[in-house]
Amino acid sequence: MSLEKYYIPGSKTAALISFISISVITYLHLSTPVGFHIIHIIHYYMLYLAVIYTAMKFGFLGGLISAFIITVFYAPGVYLNLLDLQHYQVRSFVEILMMYTLGLFAGLYSQRIYLQNSKLKQTYEQLEKSIEEKIKMEKEIAKSEKLRVMGQLSAGIAHEIRNPLASLKSASRMLKDGRNSPQILDIMTSEIDRLNAFVERFLQYANFGKIENEKMKVSSFFDELAELLRLLCKSTDDIDLKIRSYLAEECFMEGDVNNLKQVFLNIFSNSVEELKGQTGEKKLFFEVDCEDEYVVFKIKDTGSGIPDDIKERIYEPFFTTKETGTGLGLTITAKIIKDHDGILQIENDNGAHFTIKFKRVSDEYTSD
């Protein structure tokens, strides 16, 4: 039998208040002459309040114990003659029963509320823990998905690094042969700067730091995305890549650069994988335009598209039609877009057609 079902662990302050109130009222009752009936009735109802308070603070046991202590001092003769009550003690006996009844029901009521609150608190703590675990899992999943896309970038990365290394190797051989020319040193410096710039751009994408929204130029952001898309396409030689910007003027948007890059890389990688498995025309379009309220990005491939029977399920976690897919790419993509108050639209138009919209911000706008 658990004590928690019958007792509420109240505070020391509540215990002190109960003790003082019962002691003071009982003292007043005992010190008041018997003839002052109205005063004694007032004392009795004040003791009712003391029992209710104690029951609310200490539960079922608190109500019964306080009722017992009060009635022992209030009418000790009833207890001494319980089996042989006199007629003049019947009223006191009824009052004692009323005191116990009040303590019983007040205690049961407060105990029920306490148990419900304890259960709610436990449920809340479990929910809070599960939410923390879910957030942690989402972060780990996002990292794994990001690493998966970075793995697909490896072919393009190798190509970007191989060319400068080849130039550096040739220049070093010339220096070894004694051909000390300023032009050779300029070539080496240029290729080293090229490598350094590429590594810095790649590390910027690979950064898993905290989310930081910032205002960005759409044209610069689009150029970075286009470079990443070219890297992905270098893993295969037969994709006809079309990159088009319809920006008539400079416009701005706000968001976390690394997370937004993850959005586009997830879609890019899906399109490239889809086109690799095609035998016919392999075209991939990436476009950007600015409307009055939105910056609009469009990604379209000439693959097989998304079957209508699974179109509603593609955002579900772990749902995938690929043998080696995680089923998390579009789930993460949709979540990031939603977190940025963006819009994601998917259509079938001789292949998969993705339209992504983000709110346009004014030139004077600055992020908090």
Protein backbone atom coordinates (compact mmCIF):
# COMPACT_ATOMS: atom_id res chain seq x y z
CA MET A 1 0.00 0.00 0.00
CA SER A 2 1.61 3.25 -1.12
CA LEU A 3 1.60 6.13 1.38
CA GLU A 4 1.42 8.55 -1.55
CA LYS A 5 -2.23 7.55 -2.10
CA TYR A 6 -3.21 8.83 1.37
CA TYR A 7 -0.69 11.53 2.23
CA ILE A 8 0.43 14.78 0.61
CA PRO A 9 3.97 15.88 1.58
CA GLY A 10 3.10 19.46 2.54
CA SER A 11 5.57 22.19 3.40
CA LYS A 12 6.92 23.06 6.84
CA THR A 13 5.12 26.40 6.63
CA ALA A 14 1.77 24.67 6.07
CA ALA A 15 2.43 22.36 9.03
CA LEU A 16 3.28 25.33 11.24
CA ILE A 17 0.12 27.19 10.20
CA SER A 18 -2.01 24.11 10.94
CA PHE A 19 -0.39 23.58 14.33
CA ILE A 20 -0.71 27.22 15.41
CA SER A 21 -4.31 27.61 14.19
CA ILE A 22 -5.50 24.39 15.88
CA SER A 23 -3.61 25.22 19.09
CA VAL A 24 -4.91 28.79 19.32
CA ILE A 25 -8.54 27.91 18.55
CA THR A 26 -8.47 24.94 20.95
CA TYR A 27 -6.98 27.14 23.69
CA LEU A 28 -9.69 29.76 23.15
CA HIS A 29 -12.33 27.05 23.28
CA LEU A 30 -11.02 25.56 26.52
CA SER A 31 -10.49 28.93 28.19
CA THR A 32 -13.94 30.29 27.34
CA PRO A 33 -16.65 29.72 29.99
CA VAL A 34 -19.22 27.05 29.15
CA GLY A 35 -22.09 29.51 29.18
CA PHE A 36 -20.87 31.42 26.10
CA HIS A 37 -22.55 29.08 23.60
CA ILE A 38 -22.29 31.37 20.56
CA ILE A 39 -18.55 31.83 21.12
CA HIS A 40 -18.10 28.06 21.31
CA ILE A 41 -20.07 27.60 18.08
CA ILE A 42 -17.77 30.13 16.38
CA HIS A 43 -14.76 28.24 17.71
CA TYR A 44 -16.20 25.01 16.36
CA TYR A 45 -16.64 26.40 12.83
CA MET A 46 -13.15 27.86 12.98
CA LEU A 47 -11.91 24.37 13.76
CA TYR A 48 -13.77 23.19 10.66
CA LEU A 49 -11.65 25.61 8.62
CA ALA A 50 -8.49 24.34 10.32
CA VAL A 51 -9.38 20.74 9.40
CA ILE A 52 -10.14 21.72 5.78
CA TYR A 53 -6.82 23.61 5.51
CA THR A 54 -4.84 20.69 6.96
CA ALA A 55 -6.62 18.20 4.69
CA MET A 56 -5.91 20.33 1.61
CA LYS A 57 -2.22 20.61 2.50
CA PHE A 58 -1.57 17.08 3.80
CA GLY A 59 -4.24 14.95 2.15
CA PHE A 60 -6.39 12.16 3.56
CA LEU A 61 -4.18 11.38 6.57
CA GLY A 62 -3.78 15.07 7.34
CA GLY A 63 -7.55 15.51 7.48
CA LEU A 64 -8.14 12.49 9.74
CA ILE A 65 -5.25 13.23 12.12
CA SER A 66 -6.24 16.89 12.52
CA ALA A 67 -9.87 15.85 13.13
CA PHE A 68 -8.72 13.39 15.80
CA ILE A 69 -6.49 15.91 17.60
CA ILE A 70 -9.18 18.60 17.57
CA THR A 71 -11.98 16.35 18.81
CA VAL A 72 -9.83 14.83 21.57
CA PHE A 73 -9.36 18.30 23.07
CA TYR A 74 -12.84 19.51 22.09
CA ALA A 75 -14.79 16.65 23.71
CA PRO A 76 -12.50 14.19 25.54
CA GLY A 77 -15.44 12.80 27.51
CA VAL A 78 -16.96 11.31 24.36
CA TYR A 79 -13.84 9.23 23.79
CA LEU A 80 -13.72 8.13 27.43
CA ASN A 81 -17.39 7.06 27.41
CA LEU A 82 -17.65 6.00 23.78
CA LEU A 83 -19.34 2.69 24.67
CA ASP A 84 -21.55 4.23 27.34
CA LEU A 85 -22.54 7.70 26.13
CA GLN A 86 -24.80 9.86 28.26
CA HIS A 87 -27.69 11.75 26.66
CA TYR A 88 -25.93 15.10 27.08
CA GLN A 89 -22.91 13.75 25.14
CA VAL A 90 -24.87 12.78 22.02
CA ARG A 91 -24.57 16.27 20.54
CA SER A 92 -20.81 16.27 21.05
CA PHE A 93 -20.63 12.80 19.49
CA VAL A 94 -22.49 14.06 16.39
CA GLU A 95 -20.14 17.05 16.18
CA ILE A 96 -17.16 14.68 16.35
CA LEU A 97 -18.64 12.60 13.52
CA MET A 98 -19.12 15.80 11.49
CA MET A 99 -15.49 16.75 12.10
CA TYR A 100 -14.26 13.33 10.94
CA THR A 101 -16.59 13.41 7.93
CA LEU A 102 -15.30 16.83 6.94
CA GLY A 103 -11.67 15.72 7.35
CA LEU A 104 -12.38 12.53 5.40
CA PHE A 105 -14.03 14.14 2.37
CA ALA A 106 -11.73 17.18 2.28
CA GLY A 107 -8.74 14.82 2.49
CA LEU A 108 -10.05 12.53 -0.24
CA TYR A 109 -10.76 15.50 -2.51
CA SER A 110 -7.35 17.09 -1.99
CA GLN A 111 -5.65 13.69 -2.35
CA ARG A 112 -7.39 13.12 -5.67
CA ILE A 113 -6.27 16.51 -6.96
CA TYR A 114 -2.72 15.86 -5.74
CA LEU A 115 -2.56 12.46 -7.49
CA GLN A 116 -3.93 13.96 -10.71
CA ASN A 117 -1.39 16.79 -10.57
CA SER A 118 1.39 14.28 -9.86
CA LYS A 119 0.32 12.23 -12.86
CA LEU A 120 0.15 15.33 -15.05
CA LYS A 121 3.60 16.40 -13.84
CA GLN A 122 5.01 12.96 -14.59
CA THR A 123 3.38 12.98 -18.03
CA TYR A 124 4.75 16.47 -18.69
CA GLU A 125 8.26 15.43 -17.67
CA GLN A 126 8.05 12.36 -19.92
CA LEU A 127 6.74 14.51 -22.77
CA GLU A 128 9.49 17.07 -22.21
CA LYS A 129 12.08 14.29 -22.21
CA SER A 130 10.66 12.76 -25.40
CA ILE A 131 10.65 16.19 -27.07
CA GLU A 132 14.30 16.70 -26.09
CA GLU A 133 15.14 13.25 -27.46
CA LYS A 134 13.18 14.02 -30.65
CA ILE A 135 15.04 17.30 -31.12
CA LYS A 136 18.35 15.54 -30.50
CA MET A 137 17.41 12.80 -32.98
CA GLU A 138 16.35 15.39 -35.58
CA LYS A 139 19.72 17.12 -35.22
CA GLU A 140 21.55 13.81 -35.65
CA ILE A 141 19.37 12.92 -38.64
CA ALA A 142 19.99 16.33 -40.18
CA LYS A 143 23.73 15.81 -39.75
CA SER A 144 23.61 12.34 -41.30
CA GLU A 145 21.54 13.62 -44.22
CA LYS A 146 23.96 16.47 -44.69
CA LEU A 147 26.90 14.08 -44.66
CA ARG A 148 25.12 11.90 -47.23
CA VAL A 149 24.80 14.86 -49.60
CA MET A 150 28.39 15.88 -48.91
CA GLY A 151 29.40 12.37 -49.93
CA GLN A 152 27.63 12.87 -53.24
CA LEU A 153 29.56 16.10 -53.66
CA SER A 154 32.85 14.22 -53.38
CA ALA A 155 33.21 13.66 -57.14
CA GLY A 156 32.84 17.36 -57.84
CA ILE A 157 35.14 18.23 -54.97
CA ALA A 158 37.80 15.89 -56.31
CA HIS A 159 37.52 17.56 -59.71
CA GLU A 160 37.82 21.05 -58.22
CA ILE A 161 40.90 20.08 -56.22
CA ARG A 162 42.56 17.94 -58.90
CA ASN A 163 42.95 20.74 -61.47
CA PRO A 164 44.77 23.21 -59.17
CA LEU A 165 46.92 20.37 -57.84
CA ALA A 166 47.88 19.42 -61.40
CA SER A 167 48.93 23.02 -62.07
CA LEU A 168 50.90 23.15 -58.82
CA LYS A 169 52.59 19.86 -59.65
CA SER A 170 53.65 21.13 -63.09
CA ALA A 171 54.92 24.39 -61.62
CA SER A 172 56.92 22.57 -58.94
CA ARG A 173 58.59 20.40 -61.61
CA MET A 174 59.57 23.53 -63.52
CA LEU A 175 61.09 24.99 -60.38
CA LYS A 176 62.90 21.71 -59.76
CA ASP A 177 64.35 21.89 -63.28
CA GLY A 178 65.77 25.32 -62.48
CA ARG A 179 63.23 27.40 -64.38
CA ASN A 180 62.82 30.20 -61.84
CA SER A 181 60.24 32.40 -63.55
CA PRO A 182 57.98 34.98 -61.83
CA GLN A 183 55.16 33.68 -64.01
CA ILE A 184 55.50 30.20 -62.45
CA LEU A 185 55.30 31.69 -58.95
CA ASP A 186 52.23 33.70 -59.97
CA ILE A 187 50.57 30.51 -61.23
CA MET A 188 51.33 28.70 -57.97
CA THR A 189 50.00 31.60 -55.88
CA SER A 190 46.86 31.81 -58.00
CA GLU A 191 46.14 28.08 -57.75
CA ILE A 192 46.77 28.08 -53.98
CA ASP A 193 44.32 30.99 -53.58
CA ARG A 194 41.82 29.11 -55.72
CA LEU A 195 42.13 26.01 -53.53
CA ASN A 196 41.86 28.05 -50.34
CA ALA A 197 38.73 29.85 -51.56
CA PHE A 198 37.10 26.57 -52.52
CA VAL A 199 37.90 24.95 -49.16
CA GLU A 200 36.51 27.97 -47.28
CA ARG A 201 33.26 27.85 -49.27
CA PHE A 202 32.92 24.12 -48.67
CA LEU A 203 33.62 24.43 -44.94
CA GLN A 204 31.01 27.17 -44.73
CA TYR A 205 28.44 24.70 -46.01
CA ALA A 206 29.74 21.90 -43.79
CA ASN A 207 29.45 24.02 -40.64
CA PHE A 208 26.99 22.52 -38.14
CA GLY A 209 26.92 25.54 -35.86
CA LYS A 210 23.89 27.21 -34.32
CA ILE A 211 21.15 28.60 -36.54
CA GLU A 212 21.64 32.26 -37.35
CA ASN A 213 19.25 34.15 -39.60
CA GLU A 214 20.80 36.86 -41.70
CA LYS A 215 19.90 39.10 -44.58
CA MET A 216 21.43 37.93 -47.84
CA LYS A 217 21.67 39.00 -51.45
CA VAL A 218 19.66 36.62 -53.59
CA SER A 219 22.12 36.88 -56.49
CA SER A 220 25.10 35.88 -54.31
CA PHE A 221 23.16 33.07 -52.66
CA PHE A 222 22.01 31.81 -56.06
CA ASP A 223 25.61 31.79 -57.35
CA GLU A 224 26.71 29.68 -54.36
CA LEU A 225 23.87 27.23 -54.96
CA ALA A 226 24.74 27.04 -58.65
CA GLU A 227 28.33 26.18 -57.77
CA LEU A 228 27.17 23.36 -55.48
CA LEU A 229 24.85 22.07 -58.19
CA ARG A 230 27.71 22.02 -60.71
CA LEU A 231 29.77 20.00 -58.23
CA LEU A 232 26.98 17.45 -57.92
CA CYS A 233 26.58 17.19 -61.67
CA LYS A 234 30.29 16.49 -62.14
CA SER A 235 29.65 13.00 -60.78
CA THR A 236 28.15 12.25 -64.20
CA ASP A 237 29.05 13.66 -67.61
CA ASP A 238 25.73 13.41 -69.44
CA ILE A 239 23.48 15.82 -67.50
CA ASP A 240 22.58 18.95 -69.45
CA LEU A 241 22.57 21.61 -66.72
CA LYS A 242 20.72 24.87 -67.34
CA ILE A 243 21.23 27.63 -64.75
CA ARG A 244 19.26 30.82 -65.31
CA SER A 245 18.79 34.00 -63.28
CA TYR A 246 15.88 36.30 -64.09
CA LEU A 247 16.80 38.90 -61.49
CA ALA A 248 16.13 42.32 -63.01
CA GLU A 249 17.34 44.02 -59.84
CA GLU A 250 19.08 43.10 -56.64
CA CYS A 251 16.71 41.67 -54.06
CA PHE A 252 17.14 40.29 -50.57
CA MET A 253 15.82 37.48 -48.39
CA GLU A 254 16.42 36.36 -44.82
CA GLY A 255 17.38 32.97 -43.44
CA ASP A 256 20.07 30.67 -42.14
CA VAL A 257 22.47 30.22 -45.06
CA ASN A 258 23.66 26.73 -44.15
CA ASN A 259 20.17 25.36 -43.55
CA LEU A 260 18.89 26.86 -46.79
CA LYS A 261 21.79 25.33 -48.68
CA GLN A 262 20.80 21.99 -47.18
CA VAL A 263 17.30 22.47 -48.64
CA PHE A 264 18.57 22.92 -52.16
CA LEU A 265 21.27 20.26 -51.91
CA ASN A 266 18.67 17.68 -50.84
CA ILE A 267 16.58 18.47 -53.90
CA PHE A 268 19.62 18.74 -56.19
CA SER A 269 20.91 15.33 -55.08
CA ASN A 270 17.51 13.72 -55.64
CA SER A 271 17.31 15.15 -59.16
CA VAL A 272 20.87 14.11 -60.03
CA GLU A 273 20.28 10.57 -58.73
CA GLU A 274 17.04 10.37 -60.71
CA LEU A 275 18.73 11.51 -63.93
CA LYS A 276 21.60 9.05 -63.48
CA GLY A 277 19.12 6.22 -63.79
CA GLN A 278 17.49 7.61 -66.95
CA THR A 279 18.33 6.41 -70.43
CA GLY A 280 16.72 9.26 -72.37
CA GLU A 281 17.08 13.01 -72.19
CA LYS A 282 18.82 14.22 -69.05
CA LYS A 283 18.19 17.88 -68.36
CA LEU A 284 18.27 19.76 -65.08
CA PHE A 285 17.05 23.35 -64.75
CA PHE A 286 17.75 25.73 -61.87
CA GLU A 287 16.21 29.20 -61.97
CA VAL A 288 15.61 32.18 -59.72
CA ASP A 289 13.32 35.19 -59.99
CA CYS A 290 12.00 37.93 -57.71
CA GLU A 291 8.29 38.67 -57.46
CA ASP A 292 6.67 41.50 -55.51
CA GLU A 293 6.53 39.54 -52.25
CA TYR A 294 8.59 36.41 -52.83
CA VAL A 295 11.94 35.19 -54.06
CA VAL A 296 11.13 32.20 -56.28
CA PHE A 297 13.52 29.31 -56.95
CA LYS A 298 12.63 26.59 -59.45
CA ILE A 299 14.29 23.20 -59.88
CA LYS A 300 13.12 20.94 -62.68
CA ASP A 301 14.47 17.68 -64.05
CA THR A 302 13.43 15.44 -66.94
CA GLY A 303 13.29 12.30 -64.84
CA SER A 304 10.29 10.08 -64.26
CA GLY A 305 8.70 12.48 -61.77
CA ILE A 306 6.87 11.59 -58.57
CA PRO A 307 4.10 8.97 -58.90
CA ASP A 308 0.69 10.32 -57.90
CA ASP A 309 0.06 7.44 -55.49
CA ILE A 310 3.02 8.43 -53.28
CA LYS A 311 2.95 12.20 -53.79
CA GLU A 312 1.16 12.76 -50.47
CA ARG A 313 3.65 10.59 -48.58
CA ILE A 314 6.98 12.00 -49.75
CA TYR A 315 7.26 14.26 -46.68
CA GLU A 316 6.76 11.39 -44.24
CA PRO A 317 9.88 10.54 -42.19
CA PHE A 318 11.68 7.38 -43.39
CA PHE A 319 9.42 6.99 -46.44
CA THR A 320 11.54 6.27 -49.52
CA THR A 321 11.36 4.39 -52.79
CA LYS A 322 15.14 4.01 -53.01
CA GLU A 323 16.99 0.93 -51.84
CA THR A 324 19.70 3.01 -50.15
CA GLY A 325 17.67 6.12 -49.30
CA THR A 326 17.14 7.38 -45.74
CA GLY A 327 13.66 8.72 -46.41
CA LEU A 328 14.57 11.91 -44.57
CA GLY A 329 15.79 14.30 -47.26
CA LEU A 330 12.43 15.84 -48.20
CA THR A 331 11.22 15.65 -44.59
CA ILE A 332 14.14 17.82 -43.48
CA THR A 333 13.74 20.02 -46.55
CA ALA A 334 10.05 20.69 -45.85
CA LYS A 335 10.75 21.41 -42.17
CA ILE A 336 13.52 23.92 -42.91
CA ILE A 337 11.34 25.70 -45.48
CA LYS A 338 8.44 25.84 -43.01
CA ASP A 339 10.75 27.21 -40.30
CA HIS A 340 11.67 30.01 -42.73
CA ASP A 341 7.98 30.77 -43.49
CA GLY A 342 8.60 29.55 -47.02
CA ILE A 343 6.44 27.67 -49.52
CA LEU A 344 7.32 24.36 -51.18
CA GLN A 345 5.35 23.19 -54.23
CA ILE A 346 5.96 19.95 -56.11
CA GLU A 347 4.46 19.14 -59.51
CA ASN A 348 4.93 16.60 -62.26
CA ASP A 349 5.81 18.33 -65.53
CA ASN A 350 7.71 15.84 -67.69
CA GLY A 351 9.71 15.18 -64.55
CA ALA A 352 9.79 16.56 -61.03
CA HIS A 353 9.24 20.31 -60.75
CA PHE A 354 10.06 21.97 -57.40
CA THR A 355 9.08 25.57 -56.67
CA ILE A 356 10.45 27.14 -53.48
CA LYS A 357 9.37 30.58 -52.32
CA PHE A 358 10.80 32.73 -49.54
CA LYS A 359 9.57 36.12 -48.41
CA ARG A 360 11.39 39.01 -49.96
CA VAL A 361 12.74 41.67 -47.58
CA SER A 362 13.42 45.32 -48.33
CA ASP A 363 16.88 46.78 -48.88
CA GLU A 364 16.61 48.69 -45.59
CA TYR A 365 15.61 45.59 -43.60
CA THR A 366 18.08 44.27 -41.07
CA SER A 367 17.74 41.06 -39.09
CA ASP A 368 17.50 41.26 -35.29
